[in-house]
Amino acid sequence: MTPDNPLQHKPSAARKALVLGGKTGLLGQALAHVLKEQHWDLLCPGRDDLDVFDQTSLEAYIERHRPSHLFNTIGYTQVDQAEEETRAASRLNTSLPILLARIAKSCNLYFIHYSTDFVFDGKKSIPYLPQDEPNPLSVYGTTKLEGEQGVMALGWDKTLIIRTAWLFGPYKTNFVDKILTLAATRRSLDIVHDQVGCPTYTMDLACNTLALVKAGAQGIFHLTNTGHASWCELAAEAIACTGVPCHARPISSADFPQKAVRPAYSVLDCSDFVRATGLTPRPWIQALRAYLFEKDHACLTDPRD
């Protein structure tokens, strides 16, 4: 019988994460991957395992498994569809996080919830700070903001809300994947160029989330990769990286009408994250290349680990 390796890091009772959305979500699966990588004990119940809207079932599940941290990555993210399915968007983006935060408070759990750059109206010309006044333009942005406000109104000090943006990463189809699929069969693509934000790699977001958790961060933080781009610039960079003979042609939002109004400029200022952790997120272009070329989906981890 081989003896245990005395240097092997084993999960601590104080590092047990319940990740809602960890089985199927774009961010949730990345977060689950990184939590395992950093030796957390991990719980990722699926829809068949746990009804997240049933408070009694949730509390029983928490009592049975005793997590220390509750990560909510569930959300209604179909921005245009939300304009018609307002009740469904509100249920997932407003009612659910408030319910989860209430349970986290009663069960003494560190609660981590994700929100969006779409809580802003895009009228600034410099990056948005967490304390800037929100003014969402869409049902999606409004329901996410109402979720934030409801969670913060509970006054639970172990609450961390992370606003992020423009996610791409492994495990689930995203904007970058869709662009590359289309580019493989077309000579050119028309992509909106007058909406600017922060492309964000889910693996980096997951790692940097844990850096905030380790720092004991509370309140609202902005967290993306550094730099900014239009949708067209993101698409063009992805196409260039893969060498596909396709041209990304810039067009205006008016040329590509959508049901929901998007902010023209929603770049987020992440300086509070840098101050809290001592870390600086890598540029989105580096993160994009990592996503496209690093098959193990490695991410930057806290150098202090």
C-alpha atoms as a PDB file:
ATOM      1  CA  MET A   1       0.000   0.000   0.000  1.00  0.00           C
ATOM      2  CA  THR A   2       1.431   3.386  -1.003  1.00  0.00           C
ATOM      3  CA  PRO A   3       1.493   5.913   1.865  1.00  0.00           C
ATOM      4  CA  ASP A   4      -0.235   9.267   1.418  1.00  0.00           C
ATOM      5  CA  ASN A   5       1.928  12.062   0.077  1.00  0.00           C
ATOM      6  CA  PRO A   6       2.457  14.371   3.099  1.00  0.00           C
ATOM      7  CA  LEU A   7       2.862  17.357   0.730  1.00  0.00           C
ATOM      8  CA  GLN A   8      -0.475  16.825  -0.990  1.00  0.00           C
ATOM      9  CA  HIS A   9      -2.911  19.669  -0.328  1.00  0.00           C
ATOM     10  CA  LYS A  10      -6.246  18.303   0.898  1.00  0.00           C
ATOM     11  CA  PRO A  11      -9.528  20.234   0.937  1.00  0.00           C
ATOM     12  CA  SER A  12     -10.145  22.198   4.114  1.00  0.00           C
ATOM     13  CA  ALA A  13     -13.507  22.342   5.852  1.00  0.00           C
ATOM     14  CA  ALA A  14     -13.250  26.135   5.493  1.00  0.00           C
ATOM     15  CA  ARG A  15     -12.892  25.883   1.699  1.00  0.00           C
ATOM     16  CA  LYS A  16     -15.995  24.090   0.519  1.00  0.00           C
ATOM     17  CA  ALA A  17     -17.768  25.729  -2.413  1.00  0.00           C
ATOM     18  CA  LEU A  18     -21.350  25.305  -3.551  1.00  0.00           C
ATOM     19  CA  VAL A  19     -21.382  26.470  -7.181  1.00  0.00           C
ATOM     20  CA  LEU A  20     -24.816  26.993  -8.681  1.00  0.00           C
ATOM     21  CA  GLY A  21     -24.538  26.744 -12.449  1.00  0.00           C
ATOM     22  CA  GLY A  22     -21.308  24.783 -12.129  1.00  0.00           C
ATOM     23  CA  LYS A  23     -22.520  21.837 -14.195  1.00  0.00           C
ATOM     24  CA  THR A  24     -23.646  23.570 -17.380  1.00  0.00           C
ATOM     25  CA  GLY A  25     -22.888  27.307 -17.275  1.00  0.00           C
ATOM     26  CA  LEU A  26     -20.163  29.101 -19.222  1.00  0.00           C
ATOM     27  CA  LEU A  27     -18.762  30.785 -16.118  1.00  0.00           C
ATOM     28  CA  GLY A  28     -19.918  28.113 -13.672  1.00  0.00           C
ATOM     29  CA  GLN A  29     -17.942  25.342 -15.351  1.00  0.00           C
ATOM     30  CA  ALA A  30     -14.815  27.501 -15.508  1.00  0.00           C
ATOM     31  CA  LEU A  31     -15.198  28.342 -11.837  1.00  0.00           C
ATOM     32  CA  ALA A  32     -15.644  24.666 -10.951  1.00  0.00           C
ATOM     33  CA  HIS A  33     -12.460  23.840 -12.909  1.00  0.00           C
ATOM     34  CA  VAL A  34     -10.422  26.474 -11.085  1.00  0.00           C
ATOM     35  CA  LEU A  35     -11.810  25.572  -7.667  1.00  0.00           C
ATOM     36  CA  LYS A  36     -10.722  21.963  -8.220  1.00  0.00           C
ATOM     37  CA  GLU A  37      -7.347  23.176  -9.464  1.00  0.00           C
ATOM     38  CA  GLN A  38      -6.914  25.173  -6.257  1.00  0.00           C
ATOM     39  CA  HIS A  39      -7.912  22.191  -4.084  1.00  0.00           C
ATOM     40  CA  TRP A  40     -11.325  23.317  -2.886  1.00  0.00           C
ATOM     41  CA  ASP A  41     -13.953  20.796  -1.879  1.00  0.00           C
ATOM     42  CA  LEU A  42     -16.623  21.276  -4.526  1.00  0.00           C
ATOM     43  CA  LEU A  43     -20.392  20.891  -4.836  1.00  0.00           C
ATOM     44  CA  CYS A  44     -21.994  21.413  -8.283  1.00  0.00           C
ATOM     45  CA  PRO A  45     -25.591  20.200  -8.124  1.00  0.00           C
ATOM     46  CA  GLY A  46     -27.529  20.125 -11.386  1.00  0.00           C
ATOM     47  CA  ARG A  47     -31.216  20.810 -11.942  1.00  0.00           C
ATOM     48  CA  ASP A  48     -32.081  17.200 -11.164  1.00  0.00           C
ATOM     49  CA  ASP A  49     -30.138  17.356  -7.908  1.00  0.00           C
ATOM     50  CA  LEU A  50     -31.458  20.601  -6.435  1.00  0.00           C
ATOM     51  CA  ASP A  51     -34.315  23.048  -7.057  1.00  0.00           C
ATOM     52  CA  VAL A  52     -32.598  26.379  -6.468  1.00  0.00           C
ATOM     53  CA  PHE A  53     -35.944  28.163  -6.079  1.00  0.00           C
ATOM     54  CA  ASP A  54     -37.077  25.864  -3.262  1.00  0.00           C
ATOM     55  CA  GLN A  55     -35.844  27.478  -0.056  1.00  0.00           C
ATOM     56  CA  THR A  56     -36.542  24.417   2.071  1.00  0.00           C
ATOM     57  CA  SER A  57     -34.604  22.134  -0.281  1.00  0.00           C
ATOM     58  CA  LEU A  58     -31.721  24.609  -0.487  1.00  0.00           C
ATOM     59  CA  GLU A  59     -31.450  24.927   3.261  1.00  0.00           C
ATOM     60  CA  ALA A  60     -31.591  21.141   3.682  1.00  0.00           C
ATOM     61  CA  TYR A  61     -28.874  20.702   1.042  1.00  0.00           C
ATOM     62  CA  ILE A  62     -26.662  23.259   2.787  1.00  0.00           C
ATOM     63  CA  GLU A  63     -27.286  21.659   6.177  1.00  0.00           C
ATOM     64  CA  ARG A  64     -26.349  18.267   4.747  1.00  0.00           C
ATOM     65  CA  HIS A  65     -23.198  19.322   2.879  1.00  0.00           C
ATOM     66  CA  ARG A  66     -22.090  22.340   4.945  1.00  0.00           C
ATOM     67  CA  PRO A  67     -20.360  24.522   2.334  1.00  0.00           C
ATOM     68  CA  SER A  68     -18.478  27.628   3.442  1.00  0.00           C
ATOM     69  CA  HIS A  69     -18.993  29.593   0.207  1.00  0.00           C
ATOM     70  CA  LEU A  70     -21.971  29.928  -2.116  1.00  0.00           C
ATOM     71  CA  PHE A  71     -21.188  31.011  -5.706  1.00  0.00           C
ATOM     72  CA  ASN A  72     -24.145  31.960  -7.900  1.00  0.00           C
ATOM     73  CA  THR A  73     -23.348  31.868 -11.626  1.00  0.00           C
ATOM     74  CA  ILE A  74     -26.961  31.302 -12.703  1.00  0.00           C
ATOM     75  CA  GLY A  75     -28.585  34.065 -14.713  1.00  0.00           C
ATOM     76  CA  TYR A  76     -30.926  34.851 -17.571  1.00  0.00           C
ATOM     77  CA  THR A  77     -28.424  36.031 -20.195  1.00  0.00           C
ATOM     78  CA  GLN A  78     -30.460  36.109 -23.421  1.00  0.00           C
ATOM     79  CA  VAL A  79     -30.421  39.891 -23.675  1.00  0.00           C
ATOM     80  CA  ASP A  80     -32.880  40.308 -26.552  1.00  0.00           C
ATOM     81  CA  GLN A  81     -35.201  37.528 -25.434  1.00  0.00           C
ATOM     82  CA  ALA A  82     -35.455  39.150 -22.008  1.00  0.00           C
ATOM     83  CA  GLU A  83     -37.334  42.055 -23.599  1.00  0.00           C
ATOM     84  CA  GLU A  84     -40.254  39.675 -24.120  1.00  0.00           C
ATOM     85  CA  GLU A  85     -39.667  37.180 -21.314  1.00  0.00           C
ATOM     86  CA  THR A  86     -39.507  39.755 -18.542  1.00  0.00           C
ATOM     87  CA  ARG A  87     -40.932  37.459 -15.876  1.00  0.00           C
ATOM     88  CA  ALA A  88     -38.385  34.711 -16.570  1.00  0.00           C
ATOM     89  CA  ALA A  89     -35.539  37.242 -16.604  1.00  0.00           C
ATOM     90  CA  SER A  90     -36.692  38.759 -13.331  1.00  0.00           C
ATOM     91  CA  ARG A  91     -37.037  35.340 -11.697  1.00  0.00           C
ATOM     92  CA  LEU A  92     -33.439  34.358 -12.485  1.00  0.00           C
ATOM     93  CA  ASN A  93     -31.714  37.742 -12.284  1.00  0.00           C
ATOM     94  CA  THR A  94     -33.602  39.369  -9.402  1.00  0.00           C
ATOM     95  CA  SER A  95     -35.586  36.907  -7.293  1.00  0.00           C
ATOM     96  CA  LEU A  96     -33.026  34.083  -7.254  1.00  0.00           C
ATOM     97  CA  PRO A  97     -29.958  36.061  -6.054  1.00  0.00           C
ATOM     98  CA  ILE A  98     -32.032  37.713  -3.322  1.00  0.00           C
ATOM     99  CA  LEU A  99     -33.259  34.298  -2.144  1.00  0.00           C
ATOM    100  CA  LEU A 100     -29.717  32.909  -2.212  1.00  0.00           C
ATOM    101  CA  ALA A 101     -28.304  35.884  -0.347  1.00  0.00           C
ATOM    102  CA  ARG A 102     -30.990  35.532   2.314  1.00  0.00           C
ATOM    103  CA  ILE A 103     -30.097  31.865   2.774  1.00  0.00           C
ATOM    104  CA  ALA A 104     -26.362  32.667   2.797  1.00  0.00           C
ATOM    105  CA  LYS A 105     -26.974  35.156   5.582  1.00  0.00           C
ATOM    106  CA  SER A 106     -29.040  32.746   7.663  1.00  0.00           C
ATOM    107  CA  CYS A 107     -26.506  29.927   7.147  1.00  0.00           C
ATOM    108  CA  ASN A 108     -23.390  32.124   7.605  1.00  0.00           C
ATOM    109  CA  LEU A 109     -22.019  31.534   4.089  1.00  0.00           C
ATOM    110  CA  TYR A 110     -19.760  33.803   2.054  1.00  0.00           C
ATOM    111  CA  PHE A 111     -22.005  34.723  -0.898  1.00  0.00           C
ATOM    112  CA  ILE A 112     -20.494  35.495  -4.328  1.00  0.00           C
ATOM    113  CA  HIS A 113     -22.803  36.697  -7.112  1.00  0.00           C
ATOM    114  CA  TYR A 114     -22.105  37.893 -10.662  1.00  0.00           C
ATOM    115  CA  SER A 115     -23.644  40.901 -12.358  1.00  0.00           C
ATOM    116  CA  THR A 116     -23.043  42.806 -15.575  1.00  0.00           C
ATOM    117  CA  ASP A 117     -21.727  45.917 -17.305  1.00  0.00           C
ATOM    118  CA  PHE A 118     -25.235  46.320 -18.751  1.00  0.00           C
ATOM    119  CA  VAL A 119     -26.372  48.023 -15.526  1.00  0.00           C
ATOM    120  CA  PHE A 120     -24.840  51.175 -17.079  1.00  0.00           C
ATOM    121  CA  ASP A 121     -26.188  53.310 -19.927  1.00  0.00           C
ATOM    122  CA  GLY A 122     -22.889  53.733 -21.792  1.00  0.00           C
ATOM    123  CA  LYS A 123     -22.871  57.536 -21.746  1.00  0.00           C
ATOM    124  CA  LYS A 124     -19.453  57.802 -20.111  1.00  0.00           C
ATOM    125  CA  SER A 125     -16.256  57.972 -22.122  1.00  0.00           C
ATOM    126  CA  ILE A 126     -13.984  56.643 -19.372  1.00  0.00           C
ATOM    127  CA  PRO A 127     -14.269  53.292 -17.540  1.00  0.00           C
ATOM    128  CA  TYR A 128     -17.114  52.867 -15.083  1.00  0.00           C
ATOM    129  CA  LEU A 129     -16.333  52.681 -11.372  1.00  0.00           C
ATOM    130  CA  PRO A 130     -18.367  50.439  -9.037  1.00  0.00           C
ATOM    131  CA  GLN A 131     -19.838  53.521  -7.361  1.00  0.00           C
ATOM    132  CA  ASP A 132     -21.013  55.137 -10.610  1.00  0.00           C
ATOM    133  CA  GLU A 133     -24.769  55.571 -10.910  1.00  0.00           C
ATOM    134  CA  PRO A 134     -26.367  52.662 -12.809  1.00  0.00           C
ATOM    135  CA  ASN A 135     -28.929  53.355 -15.513  1.00  0.00           C
ATOM    136  CA  PRO A 136     -29.714  50.188 -17.461  1.00  0.00           C
ATOM    137  CA  LEU A 137     -31.181  50.399 -20.962  1.00  0.00           C
ATOM    138  CA  SER A 138     -32.625  46.878 -21.200  1.00  0.00           C
ATOM    139  CA  VAL A 139     -34.747  44.405 -19.278  1.00  0.00           C
ATOM    140  CA  TYR A 140     -31.650  42.270 -18.823  1.00  0.00           C
ATOM    141  CA  GLY A 141     -29.668  45.148 -17.289  1.00  0.00           C
ATOM    142  CA  THR A 142     -32.631  46.254 -15.156  1.00  0.00           C
ATOM    143  CA  THR A 143     -33.258  42.801 -13.702  1.00  0.00           C
ATOM    144  CA  LYS A 144     -29.555  42.321 -12.940  1.00  0.00           C
ATOM    145  CA  LEU A 145     -29.439  45.705 -11.192  1.00  0.00           C
ATOM    146  CA  GLU A 146     -32.548  44.898  -9.167  1.00  0.00           C
ATOM    147  CA  GLY A 147     -30.853  41.673  -8.128  1.00  0.00           C
ATOM    148  CA  GLU A 148     -27.791  43.595  -6.976  1.00  0.00           C
ATOM    149  CA  GLN A 149     -29.896  46.078  -5.031  1.00  0.00           C
ATOM    150  CA  GLY A 150     -31.973  43.399  -3.363  1.00  0.00           C
ATOM    151  CA  VAL A 151     -28.891  41.459  -2.312  1.00  0.00           C
ATOM    152  CA  MET A 152     -27.109  44.516  -0.910  1.00  0.00           C
ATOM    153  CA  ALA A 153     -30.261  45.629   0.955  1.00  0.00           C
ATOM    154  CA  LEU A 154     -30.025  42.473   3.101  1.00  0.00           C
ATOM    155  CA  GLY A 155     -26.916  43.904   4.739  1.00  0.00           C
ATOM    156  CA  TRP A 156     -24.978  40.622   4.876  1.00  0.00           C
ATOM    157  CA  ASP A 157     -21.315  41.567   5.249  1.00  0.00           C
ATOM    158  CA  LYS A 158     -20.049  38.346   3.634  1.00  0.00           C
ATOM    159  CA  THR A 159     -21.417  39.408   0.250  1.00  0.00           C
ATOM    160  CA  LEU A 160     -19.359  39.914  -2.902  1.00  0.00           C
ATOM    161  CA  ILE A 161     -20.992  41.091  -6.138  1.00  0.00           C
ATOM    162  CA  ILE A 162     -18.778  40.973  -9.225  1.00  0.00           C
ATOM    163  CA  ARG A 163     -19.764  42.926 -12.314  1.00  0.00           C
ATOM    164  CA  THR A 164     -18.172  41.503 -15.417  1.00  0.00           C
ATOM    165  CA  ALA A 165     -18.634  41.601 -19.191  1.00  0.00           C
ATOM    166  CA  TRP A 166     -18.410  39.944 -22.616  1.00  0.00           C
ATOM    167  CA  LEU A 167     -17.523  36.432 -21.493  1.00  0.00           C
ATOM    168  CA  PHE A 168     -15.751  33.855 -23.629  1.00  0.00           C
ATOM    169  CA  GLY A 169     -14.196  30.562 -22.591  1.00  0.00           C
ATOM    170  CA  PRO A 170     -14.343  26.764 -22.726  1.00  0.00           C
ATOM    171  CA  TYR A 171     -17.184  24.338 -22.048  1.00  0.00           C
ATOM    172  CA  LYS A 172     -20.020  26.267 -23.723  1.00  0.00           C
ATOM    173  CA  THR A 173     -20.619  28.118 -26.981  1.00  0.00           C
ATOM    174  CA  ASN A 174     -19.921  31.849 -26.802  1.00  0.00           C
ATOM    175  CA  PHE A 175     -19.444  34.862 -29.101  1.00  0.00           C
ATOM    176  CA  VAL A 176     -15.899  33.885 -30.124  1.00  0.00           C
ATOM    177  CA  ASP A 177     -16.971  30.344 -31.022  1.00  0.00           C
ATOM    178  CA  LYS A 178     -19.913  31.590 -33.069  1.00  0.00           C
ATOM    179  CA  ILE A 179     -17.720  34.058 -34.991  1.00  0.00           C
ATOM    180  CA  LEU A 180     -15.121  31.411 -35.838  1.00  0.00           C
ATOM    181  CA  THR A 181     -17.815  28.971 -36.965  1.00  0.00           C
ATOM    182  CA  LEU A 182     -19.282  31.583 -39.305  1.00  0.00           C
ATOM    183  CA  ALA A 183     -15.846  32.739 -40.489  1.00  0.00           C
ATOM    184  CA  ALA A 184     -14.985  29.205 -41.594  1.00  0.00           C
ATOM    185  CA  THR A 185     -17.623  29.379 -44.345  1.00  0.00           C
ATOM    186  CA  ARG A 186     -17.724  33.070 -45.268  1.00  0.00           C
ATOM    187  CA  ARG A 187     -15.402  35.595 -46.892  1.00  0.00           C
ATOM    188  CA  SER A 188     -16.624  38.461 -44.692  1.00  0.00           C
ATOM    189  CA  LEU A 189     -18.755  39.122 -41.623  1.00  0.00           C
ATOM    190  CA  ASP A 190     -20.545  42.332 -40.639  1.00  0.00           C
ATOM    191  CA  ILE A 191     -19.882  43.005 -36.933  1.00  0.00           C
ATOM    192  CA  VAL A 192     -21.021  45.926 -34.760  1.00  0.00           C
ATOM    193  CA  HIS A 193     -18.202  48.392 -34.125  1.00  0.00           C
ATOM    194  CA  ASP A 194     -19.888  51.129 -32.059  1.00  0.00           C
ATOM    195  CA  GLN A 195     -20.339  49.104 -28.867  1.00  0.00           C
ATOM    196  CA  VAL A 196     -17.194  48.987 -26.726  1.00  0.00           C
ATOM    197  CA  GLY A 197     -16.558  46.845 -23.675  1.00  0.00           C
ATOM    198  CA  CYS A 198     -14.146  44.480 -21.932  1.00  0.00           C
ATOM    199  CA  PRO A 199     -13.796  40.967 -23.404  1.00  0.00           C
ATOM    200  CA  THR A 200     -13.309  38.608 -20.453  1.00  0.00           C
ATOM    201  CA  TYR A 201     -11.902  35.077 -20.346  1.00  0.00           C
ATOM    202  CA  THR A 202     -13.929  32.933 -17.951  1.00  0.00           C
ATOM    203  CA  MET A 203     -10.876  31.088 -16.648  1.00  0.00           C
ATOM    204  CA  ASP A 204      -9.188  34.363 -15.703  1.00  0.00           C
ATOM    205  CA  LEU A 205     -12.417  35.630 -14.168  1.00  0.00           C
ATOM    206  CA  ALA A 206     -12.659  32.468 -12.068  1.00  0.00           C
ATOM    207  CA  CYS A 207      -9.056  32.723 -10.844  1.00  0.00           C
ATOM    208  CA  ASN A 208      -9.413  36.402 -10.066  1.00  0.00           C
ATOM    209  CA  THR A 209     -12.700  35.791  -8.268  1.00  0.00           C
ATOM    210  CA  LEU A 210     -10.875  33.456  -5.895  1.00  0.00           C
ATOM    211  CA  ALA A 211      -8.193  36.101  -5.365  1.00  0.00           C
ATOM    212  CA  LEU A 212     -10.944  38.468  -4.191  1.00  0.00           C
ATOM    213  CA  VAL A 213     -12.395  35.778  -1.946  1.00  0.00           C
ATOM    214  CA  LYS A 214      -8.969  35.137  -0.401  1.00  0.00           C
ATOM    215  CA  ALA A 215      -8.662  38.861   0.241  1.00  0.00           C
ATOM    216  CA  GLY A 216     -12.013  38.820   2.056  1.00  0.00           C
ATOM    217  CA  ALA A 217     -13.511  41.307  -0.393  1.00  0.00           C
ATOM    218  CA  GLN A 218     -17.032  42.573   0.268  1.00  0.00           C
ATOM    219  CA  GLY A 219     -19.416  44.768  -1.679  1.00  0.00           C
ATOM    220  CA  ILE A 220     -19.415  45.454  -5.424  1.00  0.00           C
ATOM    221  CA  PHE A 221     -16.302  44.978  -7.575  1.00  0.00           C
ATOM    222  CA  HIS A 222     -15.666  45.279 -11.301  1.00  0.00           C
ATOM    223  CA  LEU A 223     -13.651  42.434 -12.786  1.00  0.00           C
ATOM    224  CA  THR A 224     -12.720  41.822 -16.430  1.00  0.00           C
ATOM    225  CA  ASN A 225      -9.566  41.358 -18.447  1.00  0.00           C
ATOM    226  CA  THR A 226      -7.712  44.609 -19.121  1.00  0.00           C
ATOM    227  CA  GLY A 227      -8.090  46.693 -22.235  1.00  0.00           C
ATOM    228  CA  HIS A 228     -11.205  47.228 -24.298  1.00  0.00           C
ATOM    229  CA  ALA A 229     -12.557  46.438 -27.749  1.00  0.00           C
ATOM    230  CA  SER A 230     -15.598  46.681 -29.947  1.00  0.00           C
ATOM    231  CA  TRP A 231     -17.415  43.510 -30.952  1.00  0.00           C
ATOM    232  CA  CYS A 232     -15.837  43.894 -34.379  1.00  0.00           C
ATOM    233  CA  GLU A 233     -12.338  44.205 -32.921  1.00  0.00           C
ATOM    234  CA  LEU A 234     -12.858  41.103 -30.786  1.00  0.00           C
ATOM    235  CA  ALA A 235     -14.103  39.175 -33.810  1.00  0.00           C
ATOM    236  CA  ALA A 236     -11.253  40.408 -36.018  1.00  0.00           C
ATOM    237  CA  GLU A 237      -8.643  39.390 -33.441  1.00  0.00           C
ATOM    238  CA  ALA A 238     -10.149  35.905 -33.066  1.00  0.00           C
ATOM    239  CA  ILE A 239     -10.217  35.468 -36.856  1.00  0.00           C
ATOM    240  CA  ALA A 240      -6.629  36.723 -37.199  1.00  0.00           C
ATOM    241  CA  CYS A 241      -5.414  34.373 -34.459  1.00  0.00           C
ATOM    242  CA  THR A 242      -6.796  31.341 -36.250  1.00  0.00           C
ATOM    243  CA  GLY A 243      -5.726  32.431 -39.741  1.00  0.00           C
ATOM    244  CA  VAL A 244      -9.160  31.996 -41.290  1.00  0.00           C
ATOM    245  CA  PRO A 245      -9.464  33.918 -44.606  1.00  0.00           C
ATOM    246  CA  CYS A 246     -12.406  36.034 -43.505  1.00  0.00           C
ATOM    247  CA  HIS A 247     -12.730  39.796 -43.112  1.00  0.00           C
ATOM    248  CA  ALA A 248     -14.575  41.344 -40.133  1.00  0.00           C
ATOM    249  CA  ARG A 249     -16.318  44.386 -41.559  1.00  0.00           C
ATOM    250  CA  PRO A 250     -17.359  47.106 -39.062  1.00  0.00           C
ATOM    251  CA  ILE A 251     -20.974  48.251 -39.065  1.00  0.00           C
ATOM    252  CA  SER A 252     -23.041  50.465 -36.769  1.00  0.00           C
ATOM    253  CA  SER A 253     -25.686  49.296 -34.305  1.00  0.00           C
ATOM    254  CA  ALA A 254     -28.261  50.962 -36.533  1.00  0.00           C
ATOM    255  CA  ASP A 255     -27.290  48.558 -39.314  1.00  0.00           C
ATOM    256  CA  PHE A 256     -27.893  45.586 -37.007  1.00  0.00           C
ATOM    257  CA  PRO A 257     -31.110  46.343 -35.085  1.00  0.00           C
ATOM    258  CA  GLN A 258     -31.780  44.313 -31.939  1.00  0.00           C
ATOM    259  CA  LYS A 259     -34.692  44.222 -29.510  1.00  0.00           C
ATOM    260  CA  ALA A 260     -32.623  45.271 -26.506  1.00  0.00           C
ATOM    261  CA  VAL A 261     -30.628  48.497 -26.382  1.00  0.00           C
ATOM    262  CA  ARG A 262     -26.968  47.943 -25.505  1.00  0.00           C
ATOM    263  CA  PRO A 263     -24.692  50.539 -23.894  1.00  0.00           C
ATOM    264  CA  ALA A 264     -22.343  52.082 -26.465  1.00  0.00           C
ATOM    265  CA  TYR A 265     -19.507  52.147 -23.921  1.00  0.00           C
ATOM    266  CA  SER A 266     -19.453  49.790 -20.933  1.00  0.00           C
ATOM    267  CA  VAL A 267     -15.761  49.435 -20.071  1.00  0.00           C
ATOM    268  CA  LEU A 268     -15.334  48.633 -16.374  1.00  0.00           C
ATOM    269  CA  ASP A 269     -12.657  50.084 -14.096  1.00  0.00           C
ATOM    270  CA  CYS A 270     -11.024  47.223 -12.153  1.00  0.00           C
ATOM    271  CA  SER A 271      -8.686  49.299  -9.984  1.00  0.00           C
ATOM    272  CA  ASP A 272     -10.509  48.265  -6.784  1.00  0.00           C
ATOM    273  CA  PHE A 273      -9.700  44.639  -7.636  1.00  0.00           C
ATOM    274  CA  VAL A 274      -6.014  45.527  -8.118  1.00  0.00           C
ATOM    275  CA  ARG A 275      -5.904  47.342  -4.768  1.00  0.00           C
ATOM    276  CA  ALA A 276      -7.658  44.494  -2.947  1.00  0.00           C
ATOM    277  CA  THR A 277      -5.542  41.657  -4.336  1.00  0.00           C
ATOM    278  CA  GLY A 278      -2.266  43.126  -5.612  1.00  0.00           C
ATOM    279  CA  LEU A 279      -2.983  41.427  -8.952  1.00  0.00           C
ATOM    280  CA  THR A 280      -3.599  42.920 -12.388  1.00  0.00           C
ATOM    281  CA  PRO A 281      -5.761  40.990 -14.868  1.00  0.00           C
ATOM    282  CA  ARG A 282      -3.954  40.191 -18.106  1.00  0.00           C
ATOM    283  CA  PRO A 283      -4.945  41.928 -21.368  1.00  0.00           C
ATOM    284  CA  TRP A 284      -7.920  40.447 -23.166  1.00  0.00           C
ATOM    285  CA  ILE A 285      -5.841  39.769 -26.285  1.00  0.00           C
ATOM    286  CA  GLN A 286      -3.468  37.522 -24.297  1.00  0.00           C
ATOM    287  CA  ALA A 287      -6.461  35.809 -22.689  1.00  0.00           C
ATOM    288  CA  LEU A 288      -8.088  35.261 -26.083  1.00  0.00           C
ATOM    289  CA  ARG A 289      -4.945  33.591 -27.389  1.00  0.00           C
ATOM    290  CA  ALA A 290      -4.813  31.407 -24.291  1.00  0.00           C
ATOM    291  CA  TYR A 291      -8.388  30.328 -24.948  1.00  0.00           C
ATOM    292  CA  LEU A 292      -7.747  29.554 -28.606  1.00  0.00           C
ATOM    293  CA  PHE A 293      -4.388  27.810 -28.256  1.00  0.00           C
ATOM    294  CA  GLU A 294      -3.989  26.416 -24.717  1.00  0.00           C
ATOM    295  CA  LYS A 295      -5.938  23.195 -24.824  1.00  0.00           C
ATOM    296  CA  ASP A 296      -5.712  22.604 -21.076  1.00  0.00           C
ATOM    297  CA  HIS A 297      -7.411  25.973 -20.512  1.00  0.00           C
ATOM    298  CA  ALA A 298      -4.811  27.052 -17.983  1.00  0.00           C
ATOM    299  CA  CYS A 299      -5.280  30.420 -16.311  1.00  0.00           C
ATOM    300  CA  LEU A 300      -3.208  32.782 -14.281  1.00  0.00           C
ATOM    301  CA  THR A 301      -3.291  31.851 -10.603  1.00  0.00           C
ATOM    302  CA  ASP A 302      -2.438  33.870  -7.548  1.00  0.00           C
ATOM    303  CA  PRO A 303       1.382  33.865  -7.317  1.00  0.00           C
ATOM    304  CA  ARG A 304       1.066  33.772  -3.536  1.00  0.00           C
ATOM    305  CA  ASP A 305      -0.396  30.235  -3.622  1.00  0.00           C
END
